[in-house]
Amino acid sequence: FTLLAGLVVLLSAFAAGEAERIRETAVLRVLGASHRQIMNSLWFEFILIGLLSGLLASIAAGGLGALLALKLFDLPWALDWRIPLYGLAAGTILAALFVPYLGRRVLALPPARSLRG
């Protein structure tokens, strides 16, 4: 459940910022940024998004697990410290998988075309 929730948050964050990311990259290229600098900024952005989505997914999974255990099944529940770590790791890895794809896609567009429209 944690991975699914993290993936949903991650994909929505990527989709929401795609047009803006393309325009920002075009401006950076016009101002003289190298492909490496742009890729480094994408890595930083996506890893940060992955960490945050993993954290949010872990909180949601832990809360839902506690709710189900305590209210629905009347079971004792204790916070497992590994859940947030797994969520952070999964979110970061999933985000890192998208960087090469998006980097190629963003850098393939000519800056003039990206800024026009």
C-alpha atoms as a PDB file:
ATOM      1  CA  PHE A   1       0.000   0.000   0.000  1.00  0.00           C
ATOM      2  CA  THR A   2       2.845   2.389   0.783  1.00  0.00           C
ATOM      3  CA  LEU A   3       4.351   1.942  -2.669  1.00  0.00           C
ATOM      4  CA  LEU A   4       1.020   2.502  -4.399  1.00  0.00           C
ATOM      5  CA  ALA A   5       0.272   5.662  -2.425  1.00  0.00           C
ATOM      6  CA  GLY A   6       3.789   6.962  -3.053  1.00  0.00           C
ATOM      7  CA  LEU A   7       3.522   6.244  -6.754  1.00  0.00           C
ATOM      8  CA  VAL A   8       0.227   8.137  -7.014  1.00  0.00           C
ATOM      9  CA  VAL A   9       1.664  11.183  -5.229  1.00  0.00           C
ATOM     10  CA  LEU A  10       4.830  11.002  -7.302  1.00  0.00           C
ATOM     11  CA  LEU A  11       3.071  10.743 -10.661  1.00  0.00           C
ATOM     12  CA  SER A  12       0.705  13.584  -9.846  1.00  0.00           C
ATOM     13  CA  ALA A  13       3.627  15.810  -8.860  1.00  0.00           C
ATOM     14  CA  PHE A  14       5.425  15.011 -12.120  1.00  0.00           C
ATOM     15  CA  ALA A  15       2.369  15.582 -14.288  1.00  0.00           C
ATOM     16  CA  ALA A  16       1.458  18.856 -12.607  1.00  0.00           C
ATOM     17  CA  GLY A  17       4.840  20.433 -13.191  1.00  0.00           C
ATOM     18  CA  GLU A  18       5.748  19.106 -16.632  1.00  0.00           C
ATOM     19  CA  ALA A  19       4.821  22.172 -18.710  1.00  0.00           C
ATOM     20  CA  GLU A  20       6.464  24.494 -16.213  1.00  0.00           C
ATOM     21  CA  ARG A  21       9.582  22.329 -16.111  1.00  0.00           C
ATOM     22  CA  ILE A  22       9.853  22.452 -19.917  1.00  0.00           C
ATOM     23  CA  ARG A  23       9.603  26.260 -19.928  1.00  0.00           C
ATOM     24  CA  GLU A  24      12.133  26.626 -17.097  1.00  0.00           C
ATOM     25  CA  THR A  25      14.558  24.352 -18.904  1.00  0.00           C
ATOM     26  CA  ALA A  26      14.163  26.373 -22.098  1.00  0.00           C
ATOM     27  CA  VAL A  27      14.936  29.595 -20.221  1.00  0.00           C
ATOM     28  CA  LEU A  28      17.978  28.006 -18.594  1.00  0.00           C
ATOM     29  CA  ARG A  29      19.239  26.804 -21.974  1.00  0.00           C
ATOM     30  CA  VAL A  30      18.780  30.264 -23.513  1.00  0.00           C
ATOM     31  CA  LEU A  31      20.754  31.717 -20.611  1.00  0.00           C
ATOM     32  CA  GLY A  32      23.591  29.274 -21.285  1.00  0.00           C
ATOM     33  CA  ALA A  33      23.035  26.385 -18.882  1.00  0.00           C
ATOM     34  CA  SER A  34      24.708  23.163 -19.932  1.00  0.00           C
ATOM     35  CA  HIS A  35      22.908  19.850 -20.291  1.00  0.00           C
ATOM     36  CA  ARG A  36      24.734  18.631 -17.213  1.00  0.00           C
ATOM     37  CA  GLN A  37      23.558  21.575 -15.112  1.00  0.00           C
ATOM     38  CA  ILE A  38      19.984  21.018 -16.214  1.00  0.00           C
ATOM     39  CA  MET A  39      20.186  17.291 -15.490  1.00  0.00           C
ATOM     40  CA  ASN A  40      21.664  18.012 -12.047  1.00  0.00           C
ATOM     41  CA  SER A  41      18.755  20.333 -11.269  1.00  0.00           C
ATOM     42  CA  LEU A  42      16.302  17.658 -12.430  1.00  0.00           C
ATOM     43  CA  TRP A  43      18.026  15.056 -10.232  1.00  0.00           C
ATOM     44  CA  PHE A  44      17.803  17.364  -7.217  1.00  0.00           C
ATOM     45  CA  GLU A  45      14.155  18.206  -7.868  1.00  0.00           C
ATOM     46  CA  PHE A  46      13.052  14.628  -8.446  1.00  0.00           C
ATOM     47  CA  ILE A  47      14.932  13.199  -5.483  1.00  0.00           C
ATOM     48  CA  LEU A  48      13.362  15.832  -3.256  1.00  0.00           C
ATOM     49  CA  ILE A  49       9.912  15.029  -4.676  1.00  0.00           C
ATOM     50  CA  GLY A  50      10.618  11.314  -4.175  1.00  0.00           C
ATOM     51  CA  LEU A  51      11.625  11.819  -0.559  1.00  0.00           C
ATOM     52  CA  LEU A  52       8.540  13.892   0.166  1.00  0.00           C
ATOM     53  CA  SER A  53       6.165  11.519  -1.611  1.00  0.00           C
ATOM     54  CA  GLY A  54       7.716   8.563   0.202  1.00  0.00           C
ATOM     55  CA  LEU A  55       7.300  10.341   3.520  1.00  0.00           C
ATOM     56  CA  LEU A  56       3.664  11.230   2.777  1.00  0.00           C
ATOM     57  CA  ALA A  57       2.943   7.686   1.647  1.00  0.00           C
ATOM     58  CA  SER A  58       4.535   6.294   4.811  1.00  0.00           C
ATOM     59  CA  ILE A  59       2.450   8.563   7.003  1.00  0.00           C
ATOM     60  CA  ALA A  60      -0.710   7.592   5.123  1.00  0.00           C
ATOM     61  CA  ALA A  61       0.129   3.880   5.280  1.00  0.00           C
ATOM     62  CA  GLY A  62       0.977   4.043   8.976  1.00  0.00           C
ATOM     63  CA  GLY A  63      -2.188   5.967   9.787  1.00  0.00           C
ATOM     64  CA  LEU A  64      -4.388   3.636   7.766  1.00  0.00           C
ATOM     65  CA  GLY A  65      -2.675   0.607   9.293  1.00  0.00           C
ATOM     66  CA  ALA A  66      -3.249   1.971  12.787  1.00  0.00           C
ATOM     67  CA  LEU A  67      -6.872   2.777  12.015  1.00  0.00           C
ATOM     68  CA  LEU A  68      -7.539  -0.691  10.613  1.00  0.00           C
ATOM     69  CA  ALA A  69      -5.711  -2.491  13.408  1.00  0.00           C
ATOM     70  CA  LEU A  70      -7.252  -0.540  16.268  1.00  0.00           C
ATOM     71  CA  LYS A  71     -10.786   0.179  15.066  1.00  0.00           C
ATOM     72  CA  LEU A  72     -11.686  -2.544  12.600  1.00  0.00           C
ATOM     73  CA  PHE A  73      -9.801  -5.586  13.860  1.00  0.00           C
ATOM     74  CA  ASP A  74      -9.304  -4.652  17.556  1.00  0.00           C
ATOM     75  CA  LEU A  75      -5.631  -5.588  17.356  1.00  0.00           C
ATOM     76  CA  PRO A  76      -2.755  -3.962  19.209  1.00  0.00           C
ATOM     77  CA  TRP A  77      -0.711  -1.642  17.029  1.00  0.00           C
ATOM     78  CA  ALA A  78       2.790  -0.231  17.355  1.00  0.00           C
ATOM     79  CA  LEU A  79       4.643   2.034  14.975  1.00  0.00           C
ATOM     80  CA  ASP A  80       7.244   0.137  12.982  1.00  0.00           C
ATOM     81  CA  TRP A  81      10.240   2.422  12.401  1.00  0.00           C
ATOM     82  CA  ARG A  82      11.050   0.636   9.141  1.00  0.00           C
ATOM     83  CA  ILE A  83       7.875   1.796   7.374  1.00  0.00           C
ATOM     84  CA  PRO A  84       9.038   5.422   6.933  1.00  0.00           C
ATOM     85  CA  LEU A  85      12.481   4.239   5.813  1.00  0.00           C
ATOM     86  CA  TYR A  86      10.981   1.936   3.195  1.00  0.00           C
ATOM     87  CA  GLY A  87       8.676   4.702   2.039  1.00  0.00           C
ATOM     88  CA  LEU A  88      11.530   7.192   1.702  1.00  0.00           C
ATOM     89  CA  ALA A  89      13.662   4.672  -0.165  1.00  0.00           C
ATOM     90  CA  ALA A  90      10.857   3.602  -2.501  1.00  0.00           C
ATOM     91  CA  GLY A  91       9.857   7.183  -3.275  1.00  0.00           C
ATOM     92  CA  THR A  92      13.424   8.191  -3.998  1.00  0.00           C
ATOM     93  CA  ILE A  93      14.099   5.186  -6.220  1.00  0.00           C
ATOM     94  CA  LEU A  94      10.860   5.649  -8.169  1.00  0.00           C
ATOM     95  CA  ALA A  95      11.615   9.338  -8.683  1.00  0.00           C
ATOM     96  CA  ALA A  96      15.174   8.600  -9.778  1.00  0.00           C
ATOM     97  CA  LEU A  97      13.856   6.218 -12.432  1.00  0.00           C
ATOM     98  CA  PHE A  98      12.016   9.096 -14.123  1.00  0.00           C
ATOM     99  CA  VAL A  99      14.968  11.512 -14.355  1.00  0.00           C
ATOM    100  CA  PRO A 100      16.684  10.049 -17.452  1.00  0.00           C
ATOM    101  CA  TYR A 101      13.376   9.828 -19.328  1.00  0.00           C
ATOM    102  CA  LEU A 102      12.272  13.349 -18.481  1.00  0.00           C
ATOM    103  CA  GLY A 103      15.759  14.770 -18.996  1.00  0.00           C
ATOM    104  CA  ARG A 104      15.925  13.416 -22.529  1.00  0.00           C
ATOM    105  CA  ARG A 105      12.413  14.607 -23.224  1.00  0.00           C
ATOM    106  CA  VAL A 106      12.985  18.127 -21.899  1.00  0.00           C
ATOM    107  CA  LEU A 107      16.402  18.582 -23.492  1.00  0.00           C
ATOM    108  CA  ALA A 108      15.245  17.306 -26.887  1.00  0.00           C
ATOM    109  CA  LEU A 109      12.881  20.242 -27.368  1.00  0.00           C
ATOM    110  CA  PRO A 110      14.393  23.353 -28.965  1.00  0.00           C
ATOM    111  CA  PRO A 111      14.265  26.290 -26.510  1.00  0.00           C
ATOM    112  CA  ALA A 112      12.514  28.615 -28.988  1.00  0.00           C
ATOM    113  CA  ARG A 113       9.725  26.099 -29.564  1.00  0.00           C
ATOM    114  CA  SER A 114       9.339  25.482 -25.838  1.00  0.00           C
ATOM    115  CA  LEU A 115       9.042  29.178 -25.057  1.00  0.00           C
ATOM    116  CA  ARG A 116       6.534  29.861 -27.829  1.00  0.00           C
ATOM    117  CA  GLY A 117       4.029  27.529 -26.732  1.00  0.00           C
END
